[in-house]
Amino acid sequence: MSIFELEIGWAATADRRRYVDWELLACDEVCGVFPAARDDALLVLYSGDRRDFRTWARSLTTNEKGVLQ
């Protein structure tokens, strides 16, 4: 397992923040989430590798049509 920083500055509204929270809960590879020193980031304990984490993190900022939110 590794700890990665997840940028969440794009999730400024309450709805988008809830979306991030649900996605973190739904991901089987996420084993823990901790606050970071910055308000616009979270530390994520992730069981996959860096490439898998980046792919998963990028999927958070796109909707079902592949458009950045």
PDB file of N, CA and C in Angstrom:
ATOM      1  N   MET A   1       0.833  -1.179   0.000  1.00  0.00           N
ATOM      2  CA  MET A   1       0.000   0.000   0.000  1.00  0.00           C
ATOM      3  C   MET A   1       0.876   1.239   0.000  1.00  0.00           C
ATOM      4  N   SER A   2       0.316   2.279  -0.593  1.00  0.00           N
ATOM      5  CA  SER A   2       1.028   3.550  -0.678  1.00  0.00           C
ATOM      6  C   SER A   2       0.084   4.688  -0.336  1.00  0.00           C
ATOM      7  N   ILE A   3       0.669   5.805   0.054  1.00  0.00           N
ATOM      8  CA  ILE A   3      -0.113   7.007   0.310  1.00  0.00           C
ATOM      9  C   ILE A   3       0.094   7.956  -0.855  1.00  0.00           C
ATOM     10  N   PHE A   4      -1.021   8.416  -1.417  1.00  0.00           N
ATOM     11  CA  PHE A   4      -0.995   9.355  -2.529  1.00  0.00           C
ATOM     12  C   PHE A   4      -1.799  10.587  -2.161  1.00  0.00           C
ATOM     13  N   GLU A   5      -1.432  11.722  -2.747  1.00  0.00           N
ATOM     14  CA  GLU A   5      -2.178  12.954  -2.530  1.00  0.00           C
ATOM     15  C   GLU A   5      -3.219  13.105  -3.628  1.00  0.00           C
ATOM     16  N   LEU A   6      -4.455  13.312  -3.224  1.00  0.00           N
ATOM     17  CA  LEU A   6      -5.561  13.494  -4.163  1.00  0.00           C
ATOM     18  C   LEU A   6      -5.957  14.965  -4.170  1.00  0.00           C
ATOM     19  N   GLU A   7      -5.790  15.610  -5.309  1.00  0.00           N
ATOM     20  CA  GLU A   7      -6.160  17.016  -5.492  1.00  0.00           C
ATOM     21  C   GLU A   7      -7.682  17.103  -5.579  1.00  0.00           C
ATOM     22  N   ILE A   8      -8.299  17.890  -4.706  1.00  0.00           N
ATOM     23  CA  ILE A   8      -9.759  18.035  -4.719  1.00  0.00           C
ATOM     24  C   ILE A   8     -10.180  19.499  -4.817  1.00  0.00           C
ATOM     25  N   GLY A   9      -9.291  20.353  -5.275  1.00  0.00           N
ATOM     26  CA  GLY A   9      -9.622  21.766  -5.431  1.00  0.00           C
ATOM     27  C   GLY A   9     -10.786  21.996  -6.379  1.00  0.00           C
ATOM     28  N   TRP A  10     -10.974  21.109  -7.334  1.00  0.00           N
ATOM     29  CA  TRP A  10     -12.075  21.219  -8.293  1.00  0.00           C
ATOM     30  C   TRP A  10     -13.425  20.927  -7.634  1.00  0.00           C
ATOM     31  N   ALA A  11     -13.419  20.293  -6.468  1.00  0.00           N
ATOM     32  CA  ALA A  11     -14.666  19.924  -5.772  1.00  0.00           C
ATOM     33  C   ALA A  11     -15.036  21.012  -4.765  1.00  0.00           C
ATOM     34  N   ALA A  12     -15.309  22.200  -5.276  1.00  0.00           N
ATOM     35  CA  ALA A  12     -15.560  23.351  -4.408  1.00  0.00           C
ATOM     36  C   ALA A  12     -16.981  23.389  -3.860  1.00  0.00           C
ATOM     37  N   THR A  13     -17.929  22.805  -4.566  1.00  0.00           N
ATOM     38  CA  THR A  13     -19.312  22.830  -4.089  1.00  0.00           C
ATOM     39  C   THR A  13     -19.589  21.623  -3.196  1.00  0.00           C
ATOM     40  N   ALA A  14     -20.628  21.716  -2.403  1.00  0.00           N
ATOM     41  CA  ALA A  14     -21.005  20.616  -1.507  1.00  0.00           C
ATOM     42  C   ALA A  14     -21.368  19.361  -2.300  1.00  0.00           C
ATOM     43  N   ASP A  15     -22.035  19.525  -3.435  1.00  0.00           N
ATOM     44  CA  ASP A  15     -22.412  18.366  -4.257  1.00  0.00           C
ATOM     45  C   ASP A  15     -21.183  17.634  -4.789  1.00  0.00           C
ATOM     46  N   ARG A  16     -20.221  18.388  -5.276  1.00  0.00           N
ATOM     47  CA  ARG A  16     -19.000  17.753  -5.807  1.00  0.00           C
ATOM     48  C   ARG A  16     -18.189  17.100  -4.686  1.00  0.00           C
ATOM     49  N   ARG A  17     -18.180  17.717  -3.523  1.00  0.00           N
ATOM     50  CA  ARG A  17     -17.455  17.119  -2.387  1.00  0.00           C
ATOM     51  C   ARG A  17     -18.119  15.805  -1.949  1.00  0.00           C
ATOM     52  N   ARG A  18     -19.450  15.784  -1.942  1.00  0.00           N
ATOM     53  CA  ARG A  18     -20.162  14.528  -1.631  1.00  0.00           C
ATOM     54  C   ARG A  18     -19.841  13.468  -2.673  1.00  0.00           C
ATOM     55  N   TYR A  19     -19.762  13.884  -3.929  1.00  0.00           N
ATOM     56  CA  TYR A  19     -19.408  12.959  -5.001  1.00  0.00           C
ATOM     57  C   TYR A  19     -18.030  12.332  -4.733  1.00  0.00           C
ATOM     58  N   VAL A  20     -17.057  13.150  -4.362  1.00  0.00           N
ATOM     59  CA  VAL A  20     -15.716  12.646  -4.041  1.00  0.00           C
ATOM     60  C   VAL A  20     -15.792  11.681  -2.862  1.00  0.00           C
ATOM     61  N   ASP A  21     -16.535  12.049  -1.836  1.00  0.00           N
ATOM     62  CA  ASP A  21     -16.673  11.174  -0.662  1.00  0.00           C
ATOM     63  C   ASP A  21     -17.252   9.812  -1.043  1.00  0.00           C
ATOM     64  N   TRP A  22     -18.297   9.812  -1.861  1.00  0.00           N
ATOM     65  CA  TRP A  22     -18.903   8.547  -2.285  1.00  0.00           C
ATOM     66  C   TRP A  22     -17.935   7.726  -3.128  1.00  0.00           C
ATOM     67  N   GLU A  23     -17.206   8.371  -4.021  1.00  0.00           N
ATOM     68  CA  GLU A  23     -16.244   7.642  -4.847  1.00  0.00           C
ATOM     69  C   GLU A  23     -15.123   7.039  -3.999  1.00  0.00           C
ATOM     70  N   LEU A  24     -14.685   7.751  -2.981  1.00  0.00           N
ATOM     71  CA  LEU A  24     -13.672   7.216  -2.079  1.00  0.00           C
ATOM     72  C   LEU A  24     -14.206   5.993  -1.335  1.00  0.00           C
ATOM     73  N   LEU A  25     -15.445   6.060  -0.892  1.00  0.00           N
ATOM     74  CA  LEU A  25     -16.054   4.924  -0.192  1.00  0.00           C
ATOM     75  C   LEU A  25     -16.265   3.723  -1.117  1.00  0.00           C
ATOM     76  N   ALA A  26     -16.587   3.986  -2.375  1.00  0.00           N
ATOM     77  CA  ALA A  26     -16.908   2.915  -3.316  1.00  0.00           C
ATOM     78  C   ALA A  26     -15.683   2.209  -3.893  1.00  0.00           C
ATOM     79  N   CYS A  27     -14.535   2.836  -3.838  1.00  0.00           N
ATOM     80  CA  CYS A  27     -13.329   2.263  -4.444  1.00  0.00           C
ATOM     81  C   CYS A  27     -12.724   1.198  -3.526  1.00  0.00           C
ATOM     82  N   ASP A  28     -12.633  -0.016  -4.017  1.00  0.00           N
ATOM     83  CA  ASP A  28     -12.089  -1.126  -3.230  1.00  0.00           C
ATOM     84  C   ASP A  28     -10.609  -0.948  -2.897  1.00  0.00           C
ATOM     85  N   GLU A  29      -9.889  -0.192  -3.710  1.00  0.00           N
ATOM     86  CA  GLU A  29      -8.462  -0.004  -3.487  1.00  0.00           C
ATOM     87  C   GLU A  29      -8.153   1.063  -2.439  1.00  0.00           C
ATOM     88  N   VAL A  30      -9.136   1.895  -2.104  1.00  0.00           N
ATOM     89  CA  VAL A  30      -8.948   2.936  -1.088  1.00  0.00           C
ATOM     90  C   VAL A  30      -9.125   2.302   0.286  1.00  0.00           C
ATOM     91  N   CYS A  31      -8.069   2.332   1.075  1.00  0.00           N
ATOM     92  CA  CYS A  31      -8.088   1.715   2.407  1.00  0.00           C
ATOM     93  C   CYS A  31      -8.180   2.740   3.526  1.00  0.00           C
ATOM     94  N   GLY A  32      -7.954   4.003   3.211  1.00  0.00           N
ATOM     95  CA  GLY A  32      -8.041   5.058   4.208  1.00  0.00           C
ATOM     96  C   GLY A  32      -7.881   6.416   3.564  1.00  0.00           C
ATOM     97  N   VAL A  33      -8.466   7.421   4.203  1.00  0.00           N
ATOM     98  CA  VAL A  33      -8.382   8.801   3.713  1.00  0.00           C
ATOM     99  C   VAL A  33      -8.088   9.700   4.907  1.00  0.00           C
ATOM    100  N   PHE A  34      -7.142  10.600   4.725  1.00  0.00           N
ATOM    101  CA  PHE A  34      -6.707  11.471   5.801  1.00  0.00           C
ATOM    102  C   PHE A  34      -6.627  12.903   5.294  1.00  0.00           C
ATOM    103  N   PRO A  35      -6.862  13.871   6.161  1.00  0.00           N
ATOM    104  CA  PRO A  35      -6.717  15.270   5.725  1.00  0.00           C
ATOM    105  C   PRO A  35      -5.248  15.587   5.439  1.00  0.00           C
ATOM    106  N   ALA A  36      -5.042  16.420   4.457  1.00  0.00           N
ATOM    107  CA  ALA A  36      -3.696  16.888   4.126  1.00  0.00           C
ATOM    108  C   ALA A  36      -3.487  18.269   4.752  1.00  0.00           C
ATOM    109  N   ALA A  37      -2.275  18.753   4.710  1.00  0.00           N
ATOM    110  CA  ALA A  37      -1.982  20.087   5.232  1.00  0.00           C
ATOM    111  C   ALA A  37      -2.705  21.156   4.420  1.00  0.00           C
ATOM    112  N   ARG A  38      -2.914  20.883   3.142  1.00  0.00           N
ATOM    113  CA  ARG A  38      -3.634  21.814   2.265  1.00  0.00           C
ATOM    114  C   ARG A  38      -5.127  21.498   2.299  1.00  0.00           C
ATOM    115  N   ASP A  39      -5.962  22.532   2.201  1.00  0.00           N
ATOM    116  CA  ASP A  39      -7.411  22.332   2.191  1.00  0.00           C
ATOM    117  C   ASP A  39      -7.913  21.710   0.891  1.00  0.00           C
ATOM    118  N   ASP A  40      -7.139  21.822  -0.172  1.00  0.00           N
ATOM    119  CA  ASP A  40      -7.583  21.325  -1.477  1.00  0.00           C
ATOM    120  C   ASP A  40      -6.991  19.963  -1.830  1.00  0.00           C
ATOM    121  N   ALA A  41      -6.625  19.182  -0.812  1.00  0.00           N
ATOM    122  CA  ALA A  41      -6.048  17.857  -1.056  1.00  0.00           C
ATOM    123  C   ALA A  41      -6.390  16.908   0.084  1.00  0.00           C
ATOM    124  N   LEU A  42      -6.407  15.624  -0.242  1.00  0.00           N
ATOM    125  CA  LEU A  42      -6.564  14.555   0.744  1.00  0.00           C
ATOM    126  C   LEU A  42      -5.420  13.571   0.559  1.00  0.00           C
ATOM    127  N   LEU A  43      -5.041  12.904   1.618  1.00  0.00           N
ATOM    128  CA  LEU A  43      -4.069  11.816   1.537  1.00  0.00           C
ATOM    129  C   LEU A  43      -4.842  10.514   1.500  1.00  0.00           C
ATOM    130  N   VAL A  44      -4.545   9.695   0.513  1.00  0.00           N
ATOM    131  CA  VAL A  44      -5.301   8.463   0.289  1.00  0.00           C
ATOM    132  C   VAL A  44      -4.370   7.265   0.423  1.00  0.00           C
ATOM    133  N   LEU A  45      -4.725   6.340   1.310  1.00  0.00           N
ATOM    134  CA  LEU A  45      -4.021   5.073   1.433  1.00  0.00           C
ATOM    135  C   LEU A  45      -4.616   4.144   0.389  1.00  0.00           C
ATOM    136  N   TYR A  46      -3.815   3.806  -0.611  1.00  0.00           N
ATOM    137  CA  TYR A  46      -4.307   3.124  -1.812  1.00  0.00           C
ATOM    138  C   TYR A  46      -3.536   1.828  -2.011  1.00  0.00           C
ATOM    139  N   SER A  47      -4.268   0.735  -2.277  1.00  0.00           N
ATOM    140  CA  SER A  47      -3.605  -0.563  -2.398  1.00  0.00           C
ATOM    141  C   SER A  47      -3.057  -0.844  -3.794  1.00  0.00           C
ATOM    142  N   GLY A  48      -3.421  -0.045  -4.791  1.00  0.00           N
ATOM    143  CA  GLY A  48      -2.904  -0.231  -6.138  1.00  0.00           C
ATOM    144  C   GLY A  48      -1.604   0.523  -6.339  1.00  0.00           C
ATOM    145  N   ASP A  49      -1.110   0.503  -7.573  1.00  0.00           N
ATOM    146  CA  ASP A  49       0.132   1.224  -7.860  1.00  0.00           C
ATOM    147  C   ASP A  49      -0.161   2.662  -8.281  1.00  0.00           C
ATOM    148  N   ARG A  50       0.890   3.432  -8.508  1.00  0.00           N
ATOM    149  CA  ARG A  50       0.755   4.861  -8.829  1.00  0.00           C
ATOM    150  C   ARG A  50      -0.054   5.075 -10.106  1.00  0.00           C
ATOM    151  N   ARG A  51       0.201   4.276 -11.121  1.00  0.00           N
ATOM    152  CA  ARG A  51      -0.526   4.425 -12.391  1.00  0.00           C
ATOM    153  C   ARG A  51      -2.018   4.194 -12.197  1.00  0.00           C
ATOM    154  N   ASP A  52      -2.375   3.152 -11.440  1.00  0.00           N
ATOM    155  CA  ASP A  52      -3.792   2.881 -11.168  1.00  0.00           C
ATOM    156  C   ASP A  52      -4.434   4.018 -10.384  1.00  0.00           C
ATOM    157  N   PHE A  53      -3.691   4.571  -9.421  1.00  0.00           N
ATOM    158  CA  PHE A  53      -4.231   5.684  -8.639  1.00  0.00           C
ATOM    159  C   PHE A  53      -4.476   6.897  -9.525  1.00  0.00           C
ATOM    160  N   ARG A  54      -3.523   7.223 -10.366  1.00  0.00           N
ATOM    161  CA  ARG A  54      -3.687   8.385 -11.243  1.00  0.00           C
ATOM    162  C   ARG A  54      -4.866   8.201 -12.193  1.00  0.00           C
ATOM    163  N   THR A  55      -5.017   7.004 -12.727  1.00  0.00           N
ATOM    164  CA  THR A  55      -6.152   6.724 -13.609  1.00  0.00           C
ATOM    165  C   THR A  55      -7.459   6.888 -12.857  1.00  0.00           C
ATOM    166  N   TRP A  56      -7.523   6.336 -11.648  1.00  0.00           N
ATOM    167  CA  TRP A  56      -8.729   6.455 -10.830  1.00  0.00           C
ATOM    168  C   TRP A  56      -8.999   7.910 -10.466  1.00  0.00           C
ATOM    169  N   ALA A  57      -7.980   8.644 -10.062  1.00  0.00           N
ATOM    170  CA  ALA A  57      -8.147  10.051  -9.671  1.00  0.00           C
ATOM    171  C   ALA A  57      -8.626  10.890 -10.845  1.00  0.00           C
ATOM    172  N   ARG A  58      -8.094  10.624 -12.039  1.00  0.00           N
ATOM    173  CA  ARG A  58      -8.543  11.360 -13.223  1.00  0.00           C
ATOM    174  C   ARG A  58     -10.002  11.074 -13.529  1.00  0.00           C
ATOM    175  N   SER A  59     -10.456   9.852 -13.248  1.00  0.00           N
ATOM    176  CA  SER A  59     -11.847   9.503 -13.524  1.00  0.00           C
ATOM    177  C   SER A  59     -12.818  10.285 -12.646  1.00  0.00           C
ATOM    178  N   LEU A  60     -12.359  10.800 -11.526  1.00  0.00           N
ATOM    179  CA  LEU A  60     -13.225  11.575 -10.643  1.00  0.00           C
ATOM    180  C   LEU A  60     -13.628  12.906 -11.266  1.00  0.00           C
ATOM    181  N   THR A  61     -12.785  13.460 -12.098  1.00  0.00           N
ATOM    182  CA  THR A  61     -13.051  14.777 -12.656  1.00  0.00           C
ATOM    183  C   THR A  61     -13.746  14.723 -14.006  1.00  0.00           C
ATOM    184  N   THR A  62     -14.160  13.550 -14.433  1.00  0.00           N
ATOM    185  CA  THR A  62     -14.902  13.435 -15.683  1.00  0.00           C
ATOM    186  C   THR A  62     -16.261  12.825 -15.411  1.00  0.00           C
ATOM    187  N   ASN A  63     -17.252  13.264 -16.155  1.00  0.00           N
ATOM    188  CA  ASN A  63     -18.577  12.672 -16.004  1.00  0.00           C
ATOM    189  C   ASN A  63     -18.707  11.486 -16.948  1.00  0.00           C
ATOM    190  N   GLU A  64     -19.908  10.912 -17.046  1.00  0.00           N
ATOM    191  CA  GLU A  64     -20.098   9.720 -17.862  1.00  0.00           C
ATOM    192  C   GLU A  64     -19.851   9.961 -19.349  1.00  0.00           C
ATOM    193  N   LYS A  65     -19.839  11.205 -19.813  1.00  0.00           N
ATOM    194  CA  LYS A  65     -19.571  11.517 -21.213  1.00  0.00           C
ATOM    195  C   LYS A  65     -18.103  11.830 -21.451  1.00  0.00           C
ATOM    196  N   GLY A  66     -17.282  11.764 -20.405  1.00  0.00           N
ATOM    197  CA  GLY A  66     -15.861  12.024 -20.547  1.00  0.00           C
ATOM    198  C   GLY A  66     -15.506  13.495 -20.555  1.00  0.00           C
ATOM    199  N   VAL A  67     -16.420  14.343 -20.118  1.00  0.00           N
ATOM    200  CA  VAL A  67     -16.201  15.786 -20.120  1.00  0.00           C
ATOM    201  C   VAL A  67     -15.778  16.218 -18.722  1.00  0.00           C
ATOM    202  N   LEU A  68     -14.760  17.052 -18.652  1.00  0.00           N
ATOM    203  CA  LEU A  68     -14.328  17.561 -17.355  1.00  0.00           C
ATOM    204  C   LEU A  68     -15.464  18.319 -16.681  1.00  0.00           C
ATOM    205  N   GLN A  69     -15.618  18.056 -15.401  1.00  0.00           N
ATOM    206  CA  GLN A  69     -16.672  18.745 -14.650  1.00  0.00           C
ATOM    207  C   GLN A  69     -16.171  20.071 -14.139  1.00  0.00           C
TER     208      GLN A  69
END
